[in-house]
Amino acid sequence: MWAGALSAIIAFAKLVVSPFLSAIKKNNTTNELLQKAVEALTRDLKDMQKDREYVHKILEKHEERIDRNADGILVHTEQIKTLFNDKRGK
């Protein structure tokens, strides 16, 4: 009688516990893969941030050059106007 009850409990435990342990193992594997993916995304995000900072520095230099050239164009335009006015006056 005890043997039958004990074997029933063991069989029930195998039916319930074994799938549960299998599910936990799969869950842990999935969590490890997700953790690795998150770490890779974090590295990529840091690299992208460095790239953005570099691009912004380059853009600032280009803006400075554009501003200098725009100022030079204004000066040249005024010089051309002055030259044409001098020729007309003579």
Protein backbone atom coordinates (compact mmCIF):
# COMPACT_ATOMS: atom_id res chain seq x y z
CA MET A 1 0.00 0.00 0.00
CA TRP A 2 2.75 2.43 0.91
CA ALA A 3 4.70 1.38 -2.10
CA GLY A 4 1.78 2.13 -4.42
CA ALA A 5 1.21 5.55 -2.85
CA LEU A 6 4.92 6.34 -2.97
CA SER A 7 5.19 5.32 -6.63
CA ALA A 8 2.09 7.40 -7.42
CA ILE A 9 3.66 10.44 -5.73
CA ILE A 10 6.93 9.92 -7.59
CA ALA A 11 5.13 9.51 -10.93
CA PHE A 12 3.04 12.62 -10.25
CA ALA A 13 6.19 14.56 -9.29
CA LYS A 14 7.88 13.51 -12.53
CA LEU A 15 4.85 14.57 -14.54
CA VAL A 16 4.65 17.97 -12.88
CA VAL A 17 8.24 18.79 -11.89
CA SER A 18 10.02 17.62 -15.05
CA PRO A 19 8.16 19.97 -17.45
CA PHE A 20 8.49 22.77 -14.91
CA LEU A 21 12.26 22.30 -14.67
CA SER A 22 12.47 22.11 -18.46
CA ALA A 23 10.57 25.39 -18.76
CA ILE A 24 12.85 27.05 -16.20
CA LYS A 25 15.92 25.87 -18.12
CA LYS A 26 14.54 27.27 -21.40
CA ASN A 27 13.65 30.50 -19.65
CA ASN A 28 17.18 30.85 -18.28
CA THR A 29 18.65 30.21 -21.73
CA THR A 30 16.38 32.84 -23.24
CA ASN A 31 17.29 35.32 -20.50
CA GLU A 32 21.00 34.79 -21.19
CA LEU A 33 20.48 35.40 -24.90
CA LEU A 34 18.45 38.52 -24.17
CA GLN A 35 21.14 39.78 -21.80
CA LYS A 36 23.78 39.35 -24.50
CA ALA A 37 21.58 41.19 -26.98
CA VAL A 38 21.05 44.05 -24.54
CA GLU A 39 24.79 44.30 -23.93
CA ALA A 40 25.45 44.40 -27.69
CA LEU A 41 22.81 47.10 -28.14
CA THR A 42 24.36 49.11 -25.31
CA ARG A 43 27.78 48.95 -26.98
CA ASP A 44 26.24 49.98 -30.30
CA LEU A 45 24.43 52.87 -28.65
CA LYS A 46 27.67 54.15 -27.11
CA ASP A 47 29.41 53.91 -30.48
CA MET A 48 26.57 55.79 -32.15
CA GLN A 49 26.77 58.50 -29.49
CA LYS A 50 30.50 58.93 -30.21
CA ASP A 51 29.72 59.14 -33.93
CA ARG A 52 27.05 61.79 -33.33
CA GLU A 53 29.45 63.85 -31.24
CA TYR A 54 32.07 63.63 -33.99
CA VAL A 55 29.56 64.63 -36.67
CA HIS A 56 28.43 67.62 -34.60
CA LYS A 57 32.03 68.80 -34.23
CA ILE A 58 32.51 68.56 -37.98
CA LEU A 59 29.24 70.43 -38.57
CA GLU A 60 30.36 73.23 -36.26
CA LYS A 61 33.58 73.60 -38.26
CA HIS A 62 31.61 73.69 -41.51
CA GLU A 63 29.25 76.32 -40.12
CA GLU A 64 32.22 78.48 -39.15
CA ARG A 65 33.67 78.14 -42.64
CA ILE A 66 30.33 78.97 -44.24
CA ASP A 67 29.99 82.06 -42.06
CA ARG A 68 33.51 83.22 -42.99
CA ASN A 69 32.79 82.68 -46.67
CA ALA A 70 29.46 84.48 -46.42
CA ASP A 71 31.26 87.46 -44.86
CA GLY A 72 33.86 87.34 -47.63
CA ILE A 73 31.15 87.28 -50.28
CA LEU A 74 29.56 90.39 -48.76
CA VAL A 75 32.91 92.18 -48.81
CA HIS A 76 33.54 91.18 -52.41
CA THR A 77 30.06 92.22 -53.44
CA GLU A 78 30.62 95.66 -51.94
CA GLN A 79 34.01 95.92 -53.67
CA ILE A 80 32.41 95.03 -57.03
CA LYS A 81 29.70 97.65 -56.49
CA THR A 82 32.36 100.21 -55.64
CA LEU A 83 34.35 99.36 -58.78
CA PHE A 84 31.29 99.71 -61.01
CA ASN A 85 30.35 103.00 -59.34
CA ASP A 86 33.91 104.33 -59.85
CA LYS A 87 33.85 103.41 -63.56
CA ARG A 88 30.49 105.08 -64.06
CA GLY A 89 31.65 108.23 -62.30
CA LYS A 90 34.69 108.69 -64.58
